[in-house]
PDB file of N, CA and C in Angstrom:
ATOM      1  N   MET A   1       0.846  -1.171   0.000  1.00  0.00           N
ATOM      2  CA  MET A   1       0.000   0.000   0.000  1.00  0.00           C
ATOM      3  C   MET A   1       0.896   1.240   0.000  1.00  0.00           C
ATOM      4  N   GLY A   2       0.687   2.148  -0.943  1.00  0.00           N
ATOM      5  CA  GLY A   2       1.510   3.349  -1.048  1.00  0.00           C
ATOM      6  C   GLY A   2       0.971   4.491  -0.201  1.00  0.00           C
ATOM      7  N   LEU A   3       1.823   5.475  -0.029  1.00  0.00           N
ATOM      8  CA  LEU A   3       1.422   6.667   0.723  1.00  0.00           C
ATOM      9  C   LEU A   3       0.663   7.623  -0.185  1.00  0.00           C
ATOM     10  N   ALA A   4      -0.356   8.233   0.341  1.00  0.00           N
ATOM     11  CA  ALA A   4      -1.107   9.228  -0.420  1.00  0.00           C
ATOM     12  C   ALA A   4      -0.269  10.490  -0.551  1.00  0.00           C
ATOM     13  N   GLN A   5      -0.248  11.059  -1.738  1.00  0.00           N
ATOM     14  CA  GLN A   5       0.510  12.287  -1.946  1.00  0.00           C
ATOM     15  C   GLN A   5      -0.413  13.483  -1.775  1.00  0.00           C
ATOM     16  N   LYS A   6       0.094  14.470  -1.057  1.00  0.00           N
ATOM     17  CA  LYS A   6      -0.658  15.695  -0.823  1.00  0.00           C
ATOM     18  C   LYS A   6      -0.535  16.586  -2.056  1.00  0.00           C
ATOM     19  N   LYS A   7      -1.651  17.119  -2.525  1.00  0.00           N
ATOM     20  CA  LYS A   7      -1.627  18.017  -3.677  1.00  0.00           C
ATOM     21  C   LYS A   7      -1.012  19.345  -3.263  1.00  0.00           C
ATOM     22  N   PRO A   8      -0.110  19.890  -4.087  1.00  0.00           N
ATOM     23  CA  PRO A   8       0.493  21.184  -3.736  1.00  0.00           C
ATOM     24  C   PRO A   8      -0.535  22.307  -3.831  1.00  0.00           C
ATOM     25  N   LYS A   9      -0.350  23.328  -2.998  1.00  0.00           N
ATOM     26  CA  LYS A   9      -1.220  24.507  -3.076  1.00  0.00           C
ATOM     27  C   LYS A   9      -0.889  25.248  -4.357  1.00  0.00           C
ATOM     28  N   LEU A  10      -1.899  25.615  -5.101  1.00  0.00           N
ATOM     29  CA  LEU A  10      -1.700  26.395  -6.313  1.00  0.00           C
ATOM     30  C   LEU A  10      -1.943  27.865  -5.996  1.00  0.00           C
ATOM     31  N   TYR A  11      -1.015  28.702  -6.409  1.00  0.00           N
ATOM     32  CA  TYR A  11      -1.066  30.132  -6.135  1.00  0.00           C
ATOM     33  C   TYR A  11      -1.481  30.904  -7.377  1.00  0.00           C
ATOM     34  N   LYS A  12      -2.224  31.965  -7.168  1.00  0.00           N
ATOM     35  CA  LYS A  12      -2.530  32.909  -8.239  1.00  0.00           C
ATOM     36  C   LYS A  12      -1.302  33.804  -8.412  1.00  0.00           C
ATOM     37  N   PRO A  13      -1.092  34.377  -9.597  1.00  0.00           N
ATOM     38  CA  PRO A  13       0.075  35.252  -9.797  1.00  0.00           C
ATOM     39  C   PRO A  13       0.163  36.371  -8.756  1.00  0.00           C
ATOM     40  N   GLU A  14      -0.970  36.949  -8.372  1.00  0.00           N
ATOM     41  CA  GLU A  14      -0.970  38.035  -7.393  1.00  0.00           C
ATOM     42  C   GLU A  14      -0.500  37.539  -6.027  1.00  0.00           C
ATOM     43  N   GLU A  15      -0.914  36.330  -5.655  1.00  0.00           N
ATOM     44  CA  GLU A  15      -0.493  35.746  -4.378  1.00  0.00           C
ATOM     45  C   GLU A  15       1.013  35.498  -4.385  1.00  0.00           C
ATOM     46  N   TYR A  16       1.515  34.975  -5.492  1.00  0.00           N
ATOM     47  CA  TYR A  16       2.955  34.720  -5.631  1.00  0.00           C
ATOM     48  C   TYR A  16       3.755  36.006  -5.445  1.00  0.00           C
ATOM     49  N   LEU A  17       3.355  37.062  -6.124  1.00  0.00           N
ATOM     50  CA  LEU A  17       4.087  38.332  -6.032  1.00  0.00           C
ATOM     51  C   LEU A  17       4.068  38.885  -4.614  1.00  0.00           C
ATOM     52  N   GLU A  18       2.943  38.771  -3.943  1.00  0.00           N
ATOM     53  CA  GLU A  18       2.845  39.245  -2.564  1.00  0.00           C
ATOM     54  C   GLU A  18       3.765  38.440  -1.647  1.00  0.00           C
ATOM     55  N   LEU A  19       3.790  37.137  -1.813  1.00  0.00           N
ATOM     56  CA  LEU A  19       4.680  36.290  -1.001  1.00  0.00           C
ATOM     57  C   LEU A  19       6.147  36.620  -1.257  1.00  0.00           C
ATOM     58  N   GLU A  20       6.509  36.870  -2.501  1.00  0.00           N
ATOM     59  CA  GLU A  20       7.904  37.161  -2.848  1.00  0.00           C
ATOM     60  C   GLU A  20       8.376  38.476  -2.228  1.00  0.00           C
ATOM     61  N   ARG A  21       7.488  39.439  -2.127  1.00  0.00           N
ATOM     62  CA  ARG A  21       7.869  40.731  -1.542  1.00  0.00           C
ATOM     63  C   ARG A  21       8.338  40.581  -0.101  1.00  0.00           C
ATOM     64  N   GLY A  22       7.761  39.634   0.629  1.00  0.00           N
ATOM     65  CA  GLY A  22       8.117  39.461   2.026  1.00  0.00           C
ATOM     66  C   GLY A  22       9.067  38.305   2.296  1.00  0.00           C
ATOM     67  N   SER A  23       9.511  37.627   1.253  1.00  0.00           N
ATOM     68  CA  SER A  23      10.334  36.432   1.433  1.00  0.00           C
ATOM     69  C   SER A  23      11.821  36.735   1.279  1.00  0.00           C
ATOM     70  N   GLU A  24      12.643  36.097   2.119  1.00  0.00           N
ATOM     71  CA  GLU A  24      14.097  36.225   1.985  1.00  0.00           C
ATOM     72  C   GLU A  24      14.635  35.244   0.950  1.00  0.00           C
ATOM     73  N   VAL A  25      13.836  34.283   0.551  1.00  0.00           N
ATOM     74  CA  VAL A  25      14.222  33.278  -0.434  1.00  0.00           C
ATOM     75  C   VAL A  25      13.389  33.508  -1.692  1.00  0.00           C
ATOM     76  N   ARG A  26      14.012  33.446  -2.845  1.00  0.00           N
ATOM     77  CA  ARG A  26      13.283  33.621  -4.107  1.00  0.00           C
ATOM     78  C   ARG A  26      12.696  32.290  -4.544  1.00  0.00           C
ATOM     79  N   HIS A  27      11.567  32.378  -5.225  1.00  0.00           N
ATOM     80  CA  HIS A  27      10.884  31.197  -5.732  1.00  0.00           C
ATOM     81  C   HIS A  27      10.627  31.361  -7.223  1.00  0.00           C
ATOM     82  N   GLU A  28      10.557  30.243  -7.892  1.00  0.00           N
ATOM     83  CA  GLU A  28      10.170  30.218  -9.286  1.00  0.00           C
ATOM     84  C   GLU A  28       8.688  29.854  -9.310  1.00  0.00           C
ATOM     85  N   TYR A  29       7.928  30.511 -10.166  1.00  0.00           N
ATOM     86  CA  TYR A  29       6.485  30.301 -10.255  1.00  0.00           C
ATOM     87  C   TYR A  29       6.194  29.589 -11.563  1.00  0.00           C
ATOM     88  N   ILE A  30       5.706  28.345 -11.482  1.00  0.00           N
ATOM     89  CA  ILE A  30       5.403  27.564 -12.687  1.00  0.00           C
ATOM     90  C   ILE A  30       4.022  26.939 -12.527  1.00  0.00           C
ATOM     91  N   ASP A  31       3.109  27.328 -13.392  1.00  0.00           N
ATOM     92  CA  ASP A  31       1.743  26.774 -13.398  1.00  0.00           C
ATOM     93  C   ASP A  31       1.090  26.780 -12.018  1.00  0.00           C
ATOM     94  N   GLY A  32       1.298  27.851 -11.272  1.00  0.00           N
ATOM     95  CA  GLY A  32       0.661  27.995  -9.975  1.00  0.00           C
ATOM     96  C   GLY A  32       1.427  27.393  -8.810  1.00  0.00           C
ATOM     97  N   GLU A  33       2.505  26.660  -9.083  1.00  0.00           N
ATOM     98  CA  GLU A  33       3.305  26.062  -8.015  1.00  0.00           C
ATOM     99  C   GLU A  33       4.565  26.877  -7.793  1.00  0.00           C
ATOM    100  N   LEU A  34       5.064  26.882  -6.554  1.00  0.00           N
ATOM    101  CA  LEU A  34       6.277  27.611  -6.199  1.00  0.00           C
ATOM    102  C   LEU A  34       7.420  26.639  -5.968  1.00  0.00           C
ATOM    103  N   TYR A  35       8.584  26.970  -6.532  1.00  0.00           N
ATOM    104  CA  TYR A  35       9.788  26.172  -6.363  1.00  0.00           C
ATOM    105  C   TYR A  35      10.891  27.089  -5.867  1.00  0.00           C
ATOM    106  N   GLU A  36      11.524  26.713  -4.766  1.00  0.00           N
ATOM    107  CA  GLU A  36      12.591  27.531  -4.195  1.00  0.00           C
ATOM    108  C   GLU A  36      13.788  27.545  -5.139  1.00  0.00           C
ATOM    109  N   MET A  37      14.333  28.732  -5.368  1.00  0.00           N
ATOM    110  CA  MET A  37      15.493  28.889  -6.246  1.00  0.00           C
ATOM    111  C   MET A  37      16.775  28.851  -5.419  1.00  0.00           C
ATOM    112  N   ALA A  38      17.739  28.114  -5.891  1.00  0.00           N
ATOM    113  CA  ALA A  38      19.027  28.020  -5.205  1.00  0.00           C
ATOM    114  C   ALA A  38      19.913  29.194  -5.610  1.00  0.00           C
ATOM    115  N   GLY A  39      20.712  29.680  -4.666  1.00  0.00           N
ATOM    116  CA  GLY A  39      21.726  30.673  -4.971  1.00  0.00           C
ATOM    117  C   GLY A  39      21.278  32.118  -5.004  1.00  0.00           C
ATOM    118  N   ALA A  40      20.029  32.401  -4.758  1.00  0.00           N
ATOM    119  CA  ALA A  40      19.578  33.799  -4.754  1.00  0.00           C
ATOM    120  C   ALA A  40      19.963  34.433  -3.418  1.00  0.00           C
ATOM    121  N   ASN A  41      20.555  35.618  -3.484  1.00  0.00           N
ATOM    122  CA  ASN A  41      20.922  36.329  -2.255  1.00  0.00           C
ATOM    123  C   ASN A  41      20.127  37.615  -2.156  1.00  0.00           C
ATOM    124  N   MET A  42      20.297  38.356  -1.072  1.00  0.00           N
ATOM    125  CA  MET A  42      19.499  39.564  -0.851  1.00  0.00           C
ATOM    126  C   MET A  42      19.727  40.614  -1.932  1.00  0.00           C
ATOM    127  N   GLN A  43      20.944  40.747  -2.444  1.00  0.00           N
ATOM    128  CA  GLN A  43      21.199  41.733  -3.496  1.00  0.00           C
ATOM    129  C   GLN A  43      20.433  41.359  -4.764  1.00  0.00           C
ATOM    130  N   VAL A  44      20.440  40.106  -5.128  1.00  0.00           N
ATOM    131  CA  VAL A  44      19.690  39.648  -6.291  1.00  0.00           C
ATOM    132  C   VAL A  44      18.199  39.833  -6.036  1.00  0.00           C
ATOM    133  N   ASN A  45      17.752  39.534  -4.820  1.00  0.00           N
ATOM    134  CA  ASN A  45      16.338  39.676  -4.477  1.00  0.00           C
ATOM    135  C   ASN A  45      15.859  41.101  -4.696  1.00  0.00           C
ATOM    136  N   ARG A  46      16.648  42.083  -4.312  1.00  0.00           N
ATOM    137  CA  ARG A  46      16.241  43.487  -4.488  1.00  0.00           C
ATOM    138  C   ARG A  46      16.051  43.814  -5.960  1.00  0.00           C
ATOM    139  N   CYS A  47      16.856  43.249  -6.826  1.00  0.00           N
ATOM    140  CA  CYS A  47      16.745  43.504  -8.271  1.00  0.00           C
ATOM    141  C   CYS A  47      15.410  43.008  -8.809  1.00  0.00           C
ATOM    142  N   PHE A  48      14.943  41.847  -8.335  1.00  0.00           N
ATOM    143  CA  PHE A  48      13.741  41.249  -8.876  1.00  0.00           C
ATOM    144  C   PHE A  48      12.462  41.798  -8.270  1.00  0.00           C
ATOM    145  N   VAL A  49      12.512  42.243  -7.030  1.00  0.00           N
ATOM    146  CA  VAL A  49      11.306  42.701  -6.346  1.00  0.00           C
ATOM    147  C   VAL A  49      11.107  44.208  -6.510  1.00  0.00           C
ATOM    148  N   ALA A  50      12.168  44.934  -6.688  1.00  0.00           N
ATOM    149  CA  ALA A  50      12.091  46.386  -6.736  1.00  0.00           C
ATOM    150  C   ALA A  50      11.216  46.891  -7.858  1.00  0.00           C
TER     151      ALA A  50
END
């Protein structure tokens, strides 16, 4: 018997942008799902959110 997989929360573009403004970690937004991006630092974050 396998484990049930939990469906990921799907975000609207507006929700994603709001979350990114307050996040120290950058995420990639693909078809409503968020994926944490490796290697993004605060200086890079300011470029994308500003």
